[in-house]
């Protein structure tokens, strides 16, 4: 497969204007194939809730953003159950939270890089000798 695994941070940038939103929007081109674990929806909803809680967006904006995210062109090729063992092994290997490693497990399985805005996650994966080609920072999208 070719395309990208998108993480929740990148998907939120489609919905709320913040740093790297323009770069993230490039992924929405019709020619791009986008996939994610279903976890993306829970994490994006939580991020939107946090933005609302801080007063950065309103409650109506959260509902509108969730509706937009539901219609985003993202395929869910594997279940969380199917990715759990691999994500857990990656988390242990990288000493990094398993939530992020679900995206990485999908990237490895589908042979597509993860696009993230999470600098810590990016740095950890880039430093790994066998996984460094499985991640791209959203700022580097042309």
N, C-alpha and C. Protein backbone atom coordinates (compact mmCIF):
# COMPACT_ATOMS: atom_id res chain seq x y z
N UNK A 1 0.84 -1.19 0.00
CA UNK A 1 0.00 0.00 0.00
C UNK A 1 0.87 1.24 0.00
N UNK A 2 0.44 2.27 -0.66
CA UNK A 2 1.10 3.56 -0.60
C UNK A 2 0.14 4.56 0.00
N UNK A 3 0.67 5.56 0.60
CA UNK A 3 -0.14 6.57 1.27
C UNK A 3 0.43 6.85 2.64
N UNK A 4 -0.42 7.29 3.54
CA UNK A 4 0.02 7.67 4.88
C UNK A 4 -0.93 7.15 5.94
N UNK A 5 -0.34 6.85 7.08
CA UNK A 5 -1.10 6.65 8.31
C UNK A 5 -1.13 8.01 8.98
N UNK A 6 -2.30 8.53 9.27
CA UNK A 6 -2.40 9.83 9.93
C UNK A 6 -2.74 9.63 11.40
N UNK A 7 -2.07 10.42 12.23
CA UNK A 7 -2.40 10.32 13.65
C UNK A 7 -3.41 11.39 14.03
N UNK A 8 -3.90 11.32 15.24
CA UNK A 8 -4.97 12.21 15.69
C UNK A 8 -4.53 13.67 15.67
N UNK A 9 -3.29 13.94 16.03
CA UNK A 9 -2.81 15.31 16.02
C UNK A 9 -2.88 15.94 14.65
N UNK A 10 -2.58 15.17 13.63
CA UNK A 10 -2.66 15.66 12.26
C UNK A 10 -4.13 15.88 11.87
N UNK A 11 -4.99 14.96 12.24
CA UNK A 11 -6.41 15.12 11.88
C UNK A 11 -7.03 16.34 12.56
N UNK A 12 -6.61 16.65 13.76
CA UNK A 12 -7.13 17.84 14.44
C UNK A 12 -6.71 19.10 13.70
N UNK A 13 -5.55 19.08 13.09
CA UNK A 13 -5.08 20.23 12.31
C UNK A 13 -5.94 20.49 11.09
N UNK A 14 -6.68 19.49 10.62
CA UNK A 14 -7.64 19.70 9.54
C UNK A 14 -8.85 20.48 10.03
N UNK A 15 -9.12 20.37 11.32
CA UNK A 15 -10.36 20.87 11.90
C UNK A 15 -10.23 22.20 12.62
N UNK A 16 -9.04 22.48 13.11
CA UNK A 16 -8.76 23.68 13.90
C UNK A 16 -7.48 24.29 13.36
N UNK A 17 -7.50 25.58 13.13
CA UNK A 17 -6.31 26.24 12.61
C UNK A 17 -5.27 26.35 13.72
N UNK A 18 -4.12 25.75 13.49
CA UNK A 18 -2.99 25.80 14.41
C UNK A 18 -1.72 25.56 13.62
N UNK A 19 -0.58 25.52 14.27
CA UNK A 19 0.69 25.31 13.58
C UNK A 19 0.61 24.05 12.72
N UNK A 20 1.07 24.17 11.49
CA UNK A 20 1.13 23.08 10.51
C UNK A 20 -0.23 22.65 9.96
N UNK A 21 -1.26 23.45 10.17
CA UNK A 21 -2.57 23.11 9.59
C UNK A 21 -2.53 23.11 8.07
N UNK A 22 -1.81 24.05 7.49
CA UNK A 22 -1.71 24.08 6.02
C UNK A 22 -1.02 22.84 5.49
N UNK A 23 0.05 22.42 6.16
CA UNK A 23 0.77 21.21 5.73
C UNK A 23 -0.12 19.98 5.88
N UNK A 24 -0.85 19.90 6.99
CA UNK A 24 -1.75 18.76 7.20
C UNK A 24 -2.84 18.71 6.14
N UNK A 25 -3.32 19.87 5.74
CA UNK A 25 -4.40 19.94 4.73
C UNK A 25 -3.96 19.35 3.40
N UNK A 26 -2.68 19.37 3.12
CA UNK A 26 -2.18 18.78 1.86
C UNK A 26 -2.48 17.29 1.77
N UNK A 27 -2.62 16.66 2.91
CA UNK A 27 -2.93 15.23 2.91
C UNK A 27 -4.34 14.94 2.41
N UNK A 28 -5.19 15.93 2.40
CA UNK A 28 -6.58 15.74 1.98
C UNK A 28 -6.77 15.80 0.47
N UNK A 29 -5.68 15.89 -0.26
CA UNK A 29 -5.76 15.87 -1.73
C UNK A 29 -6.38 14.54 -2.17
N UNK A 30 -7.20 14.57 -3.20
CA UNK A 30 -7.87 13.34 -3.65
C UNK A 30 -6.90 12.20 -4.01
N UNK A 31 -5.69 12.53 -4.37
CA UNK A 31 -4.72 11.50 -4.76
C UNK A 31 -4.11 10.77 -3.56
N UNK A 32 -4.31 11.27 -2.35
CA UNK A 32 -3.71 10.65 -1.17
C UNK A 32 -4.57 9.51 -0.63
N UNK A 33 -3.90 8.45 -0.22
CA UNK A 33 -4.56 7.35 0.48
C UNK A 33 -4.23 7.53 1.96
N UNK A 34 -5.26 7.67 2.78
CA UNK A 34 -5.07 7.89 4.21
C UNK A 34 -5.70 6.76 5.00
N UNK A 35 -4.95 6.26 5.96
CA UNK A 35 -5.45 5.21 6.84
C UNK A 35 -5.11 5.58 8.28
N UNK A 36 -5.78 4.93 9.21
CA UNK A 36 -5.53 5.16 10.64
C UNK A 36 -6.17 4.02 11.43
N UNK A 37 -5.69 3.82 12.65
CA UNK A 37 -6.44 2.93 13.54
C UNK A 37 -7.68 3.68 14.03
N UNK A 38 -8.68 2.96 14.42
CA UNK A 38 -9.91 3.60 14.87
C UNK A 38 -9.69 4.48 16.10
N UNK A 39 -8.60 4.26 16.79
CA UNK A 39 -8.21 5.08 17.93
C UNK A 39 -8.16 6.57 17.57
N UNK A 40 -7.89 6.88 16.32
CA UNK A 40 -7.81 8.27 15.88
C UNK A 40 -9.05 9.05 16.31
N UNK A 41 -10.23 8.47 16.20
CA UNK A 41 -11.45 9.20 16.50
C UNK A 41 -11.57 9.52 18.00
N UNK A 42 -11.17 8.60 18.85
CA UNK A 42 -11.20 8.86 20.29
C UNK A 42 -10.17 9.93 20.66
N UNK A 43 -8.97 9.82 20.11
CA UNK A 43 -7.94 10.79 20.44
C UNK A 43 -8.25 12.17 19.89
N UNK A 44 -8.77 12.25 18.68
CA UNK A 44 -9.14 13.55 18.10
C UNK A 44 -10.28 14.18 18.90
N UNK A 45 -11.27 13.39 19.26
CA UNK A 45 -12.39 13.91 20.06
C UNK A 45 -11.88 14.43 21.40
N UNK A 46 -10.94 13.73 22.00
CA UNK A 46 -10.38 14.18 23.27
C UNK A 46 -9.61 15.49 23.10
N UNK A 47 -8.85 15.60 22.02
CA UNK A 47 -8.11 16.84 21.75
C UNK A 47 -9.06 18.01 21.54
N UNK A 48 -10.15 17.77 20.83
CA UNK A 48 -11.14 18.82 20.61
C UNK A 48 -11.80 19.22 21.93
N UNK A 49 -12.12 18.26 22.77
CA UNK A 49 -12.67 18.54 24.10
C UNK A 49 -11.70 19.42 24.88
N UNK A 50 -10.41 19.08 24.84
CA UNK A 50 -9.41 19.87 25.58
C UNK A 50 -9.34 21.30 25.05
N UNK A 51 -9.41 21.46 23.73
CA UNK A 51 -9.41 22.81 23.16
C UNK A 51 -10.64 23.59 23.62
N UNK A 52 -11.77 22.94 23.69
CA UNK A 52 -12.99 23.58 24.16
C UNK A 52 -12.87 23.94 25.64
N UNK A 53 -12.35 23.04 26.40
CA UNK A 53 -12.19 23.26 27.85
C UNK A 53 -11.31 24.47 28.13
N UNK A 54 -10.28 24.66 27.29
CA UNK A 54 -9.37 25.81 27.44
C UNK A 54 -9.98 27.09 26.88
N UNK A 55 -11.10 26.97 26.19
CA UNK A 55 -11.75 28.14 25.61
C UNK A 55 -11.25 28.50 24.23
N UNK A 56 -10.48 27.61 23.60
CA UNK A 56 -9.97 27.89 22.26
C UNK A 56 -11.02 27.69 21.18
N UNK A 57 -11.98 26.81 21.43
CA UNK A 57 -13.09 26.60 20.50
C UNK A 57 -14.37 26.43 21.33
N UNK A 58 -15.51 26.62 20.68
CA UNK A 58 -16.79 26.48 21.37
C UNK A 58 -17.35 25.07 21.28
N UNK A 59 -18.38 24.82 22.05
CA UNK A 59 -19.02 23.50 22.05
C UNK A 59 -19.59 23.16 20.67
N UNK A 60 -20.17 24.13 20.02
CA UNK A 60 -20.71 23.89 18.67
C UNK A 60 -19.59 23.55 17.70
N UNK A 61 -18.42 24.15 17.91
CA UNK A 61 -17.27 23.85 17.05
C UNK A 61 -16.83 22.41 17.22
N UNK A 62 -16.91 21.89 18.43
CA UNK A 62 -16.53 20.49 18.68
C UNK A 62 -17.45 19.57 17.88
N UNK A 63 -18.75 19.80 17.99
CA UNK A 63 -19.71 18.95 17.28
C UNK A 63 -19.49 19.03 15.77
N UNK A 64 -19.27 20.23 15.27
CA UNK A 64 -19.03 20.41 13.83
C UNK A 64 -17.74 19.71 13.39
N UNK A 65 -16.71 19.82 14.21
CA UNK A 65 -15.43 19.19 13.89
C UNK A 65 -15.54 17.67 13.89
N UNK A 66 -16.27 17.12 14.83
CA UNK A 66 -16.46 15.66 14.87
C UNK A 66 -17.21 15.19 13.62
N UNK A 67 -18.22 15.93 13.22
CA UNK A 67 -18.93 15.58 11.99
C UNK A 67 -18.01 15.61 10.78
N UNK A 68 -17.16 16.64 10.71
CA UNK A 68 -16.21 16.75 9.59
C UNK A 68 -15.22 15.59 9.62
N UNK A 69 -14.75 15.24 10.80
CA UNK A 69 -13.79 14.14 10.91
C UNK A 69 -14.41 12.82 10.48
N UNK A 70 -15.67 12.61 10.83
CA UNK A 70 -16.35 11.37 10.44
C UNK A 70 -16.43 11.22 8.93
N UNK A 71 -16.44 12.32 8.22
CA UNK A 71 -16.52 12.22 6.76
C UNK A 71 -15.16 12.37 6.08
N UNK A 72 -14.12 12.48 6.85
CA UNK A 72 -12.77 12.58 6.26
C UNK A 72 -12.42 11.28 5.53
N UNK A 73 -11.61 11.37 4.49
CA UNK A 73 -11.28 10.19 3.68
C UNK A 73 -10.20 9.31 4.32
N UNK A 74 -10.56 8.72 5.45
CA UNK A 74 -9.63 7.87 6.20
C UNK A 74 -10.19 6.46 6.25
N UNK A 75 -9.42 5.50 5.80
CA UNK A 75 -9.81 4.09 5.89
C UNK A 75 -9.26 3.50 7.18
N UNK A 76 -9.99 2.53 7.70
CA UNK A 76 -9.59 1.82 8.92
C UNK A 76 -9.37 0.35 8.52
N UNK A 77 -8.15 0.00 8.05
CA UNK A 77 -7.96 -1.33 7.47
C UNK A 77 -7.85 -2.47 8.48
N UNK A 78 -7.45 -2.16 9.72
CA UNK A 78 -7.28 -3.20 10.73
C UNK A 78 -7.92 -2.75 12.04
N UNK A 79 -8.43 -3.69 12.79
CA UNK A 79 -9.06 -3.36 14.07
C UNK A 79 -7.99 -3.13 15.14
N UNK A 80 -8.42 -2.49 16.20
CA UNK A 80 -7.53 -2.28 17.35
C UNK A 80 -7.09 -3.64 17.91
N UNK A 81 -7.98 -4.59 17.90
CA UNK A 81 -7.66 -5.94 18.37
C UNK A 81 -6.52 -6.54 17.55
N UNK A 82 -6.58 -6.34 16.22
CA UNK A 82 -5.54 -6.88 15.35
C UNK A 82 -4.19 -6.18 15.55
N UNK A 83 -4.21 -4.94 15.97
CA UNK A 83 -2.97 -4.16 16.12
C UNK A 83 -2.39 -4.20 17.53
N UNK A 84 -3.16 -4.68 18.50
CA UNK A 84 -2.77 -4.56 19.91
C UNK A 84 -1.44 -5.21 20.25
N UNK A 85 -1.20 -6.41 19.80
CA UNK A 85 0.04 -7.10 20.14
C UNK A 85 1.25 -6.38 19.55
N UNK A 86 1.15 -6.02 18.29
CA UNK A 86 2.24 -5.32 17.63
C UNK A 86 2.48 -3.95 18.27
N UNK A 87 1.42 -3.22 18.55
CA UNK A 87 1.56 -1.90 19.18
C UNK A 87 2.21 -2.03 20.56
N UNK A 88 1.85 -3.05 21.29
CA UNK A 88 2.44 -3.25 22.62
C UNK A 88 3.92 -3.57 22.53
N UNK A 89 4.30 -4.41 21.57
CA UNK A 89 5.72 -4.73 21.38
C UNK A 89 6.51 -3.49 21.00
N UNK A 90 5.95 -2.69 20.11
CA UNK A 90 6.63 -1.45 19.69
C UNK A 90 6.76 -0.49 20.87
N UNK A 91 5.73 -0.38 21.68
CA UNK A 91 5.79 0.50 22.85
C UNK A 91 6.89 0.08 23.81
N UNK A 92 7.01 -1.23 24.01
CA UNK A 92 8.07 -1.73 24.88
C UNK A 92 9.45 -1.49 24.28
N UNK A 93 9.57 -1.73 22.99
CA UNK A 93 10.84 -1.54 22.29
C UNK A 93 11.28 -0.08 22.28
N UNK A 94 10.33 0.82 22.06
CA UNK A 94 10.65 2.24 21.96
C UNK A 94 10.57 2.97 23.31
N UNK A 95 10.03 2.31 24.32
CA UNK A 95 9.75 2.95 25.61
C UNK A 95 8.91 4.21 25.38
N UNK A 96 7.81 4.01 24.66
CA UNK A 96 6.93 5.10 24.27
C UNK A 96 5.49 4.64 24.44
N UNK A 97 4.55 5.55 24.75
CA UNK A 97 3.16 5.14 24.99
C UNK A 97 2.56 4.31 23.86
N UNK A 98 1.80 3.32 24.26
CA UNK A 98 1.21 2.38 23.30
C UNK A 98 0.19 3.06 22.39
N UNK A 99 -0.45 4.11 22.86
CA UNK A 99 -1.43 4.80 22.01
C UNK A 99 -0.79 5.22 20.68
N UNK A 100 0.36 5.87 20.75
CA UNK A 100 1.05 6.28 19.53
C UNK A 100 1.51 5.07 18.72
N UNK A 101 1.86 4.02 19.42
CA UNK A 101 2.39 2.84 18.73
C UNK A 101 1.33 2.08 17.94
N UNK A 102 0.05 2.33 18.21
CA UNK A 102 -0.99 1.77 17.34
C UNK A 102 -0.86 2.33 15.92
N UNK A 103 -0.56 3.61 15.82
CA UNK A 103 -0.35 4.21 14.50
C UNK A 103 0.88 3.61 13.82
N UNK A 104 1.93 3.44 14.60
CA UNK A 104 3.17 2.87 14.08
C UNK A 104 2.98 1.41 13.67
N UNK A 105 2.25 0.66 14.47
CA UNK A 105 1.99 -0.75 14.13
C UNK A 105 1.24 -0.84 12.80
N UNK A 106 0.29 0.05 12.59
CA UNK A 106 -0.43 0.08 11.32
C UNK A 106 0.51 0.47 10.18
N UNK A 107 1.39 1.42 10.44
CA UNK A 107 2.35 1.84 9.42
C UNK A 107 3.26 0.69 9.00
N UNK A 108 3.71 -0.08 9.95
CA UNK A 108 4.57 -1.23 9.65
C UNK A 108 3.77 -2.27 8.86
N UNK A 109 2.59 -2.57 9.32
CA UNK A 109 1.75 -3.58 8.66
C UNK A 109 1.41 -3.19 7.22
N UNK A 110 1.08 -1.93 7.01
CA UNK A 110 0.62 -1.47 5.70
C UNK A 110 1.73 -0.85 4.85
N UNK A 111 2.94 -0.84 5.39
CA UNK A 111 4.11 -0.32 4.68
C UNK A 111 3.90 1.12 4.21
N UNK A 112 3.38 1.93 5.10
CA UNK A 112 3.15 3.35 4.85
C UNK A 112 3.64 4.13 6.07
N UNK A 113 4.23 5.29 5.88
CA UNK A 113 4.70 6.04 7.05
C UNK A 113 3.57 6.71 7.82
N UNK A 114 3.80 6.90 9.10
CA UNK A 114 2.91 7.70 9.95
C UNK A 114 3.26 9.16 9.73
N UNK A 115 2.24 10.00 9.60
CA UNK A 115 2.44 11.45 9.62
C UNK A 115 1.99 11.93 10.98
N UNK A 116 2.88 12.62 11.67
CA UNK A 116 2.59 13.10 13.02
C UNK A 116 3.05 14.54 13.19
N UNK A 117 2.48 15.20 14.16
CA UNK A 117 2.96 16.52 14.59
C UNK A 117 3.58 16.41 15.98
N UNK A 118 3.61 15.21 16.52
CA UNK A 118 4.14 14.95 17.85
C UNK A 118 5.66 14.81 17.77
N UNK A 119 6.35 15.84 18.18
CA UNK A 119 7.82 15.87 18.06
C UNK A 119 8.49 14.74 18.85
N UNK A 120 8.00 14.47 20.03
CA UNK A 120 8.60 13.41 20.85
C UNK A 120 8.46 12.05 20.17
N UNK A 121 7.27 11.74 19.68
CA UNK A 121 7.03 10.48 18.97
C UNK A 121 7.93 10.41 17.73
N UNK A 122 7.95 11.48 16.97
CA UNK A 122 8.78 11.54 15.77
C UNK A 122 10.25 11.27 16.11
N UNK A 123 10.77 11.93 17.11
CA UNK A 123 12.18 11.76 17.49
C UNK A 123 12.50 10.34 17.93
N UNK A 124 11.61 9.74 18.70
CA UNK A 124 11.84 8.37 19.18
C UNK A 124 11.88 7.38 18.02
N UNK A 125 10.94 7.51 17.10
CA UNK A 125 10.88 6.57 15.97
C UNK A 125 12.04 6.82 15.01
N UNK A 126 12.35 8.08 14.75
CA UNK A 126 13.46 8.41 13.83
C UNK A 126 14.80 7.88 14.35
N UNK A 127 14.94 7.78 15.66
CA UNK A 127 16.19 7.30 16.25
C UNK A 127 16.31 5.78 16.22
N UNK A 128 15.25 5.08 15.91
CA UNK A 128 15.27 3.62 15.90
C UNK A 128 15.89 3.12 14.59
N UNK A 129 16.80 2.15 14.68
CA UNK A 129 17.51 1.72 13.47
C UNK A 129 16.65 1.07 12.40
N UNK A 130 15.53 0.45 12.77
CA UNK A 130 14.71 -0.24 11.78
C UNK A 130 13.38 0.43 11.49
N UNK A 131 13.04 1.46 12.24
CA UNK A 131 11.74 2.09 12.08
C UNK A 131 11.82 3.52 11.57
N UNK A 132 13.01 4.04 11.42
CA UNK A 132 13.18 5.47 11.11
C UNK A 132 12.49 5.90 9.82
N UNK A 133 12.28 4.98 8.90
CA UNK A 133 11.61 5.34 7.64
C UNK A 133 10.09 5.22 7.73
N UNK A 134 9.58 4.93 8.91
CA UNK A 134 8.14 4.74 9.10
C UNK A 134 7.44 5.95 9.69
N UNK A 135 8.12 7.11 9.72
CA UNK A 135 7.50 8.29 10.30
C UNK A 135 7.93 9.54 9.56
N UNK A 136 6.99 10.47 9.43
CA UNK A 136 7.22 11.76 8.78
C UNK A 136 6.60 12.82 9.67
N UNK A 137 7.31 13.93 9.88
CA UNK A 137 6.71 15.03 10.61
C UNK A 137 5.87 15.85 9.65
N UNK A 138 4.71 16.28 10.08
CA UNK A 138 3.78 17.01 9.21
C UNK A 138 4.44 18.26 8.62
N UNK A 139 5.36 18.87 9.33
CA UNK A 139 6.02 20.08 8.81
C UNK A 139 6.83 19.80 7.56
N UNK A 140 7.21 18.53 7.37
CA UNK A 140 8.06 18.16 6.22
C UNK A 140 7.27 17.77 4.97
N UNK A 141 5.95 17.85 5.03
CA UNK A 141 5.15 17.54 3.84
C UNK A 141 5.31 18.66 2.83
N UNK A 142 5.62 18.31 1.62
CA UNK A 142 5.87 19.34 0.59
C UNK A 142 4.57 19.92 0.09
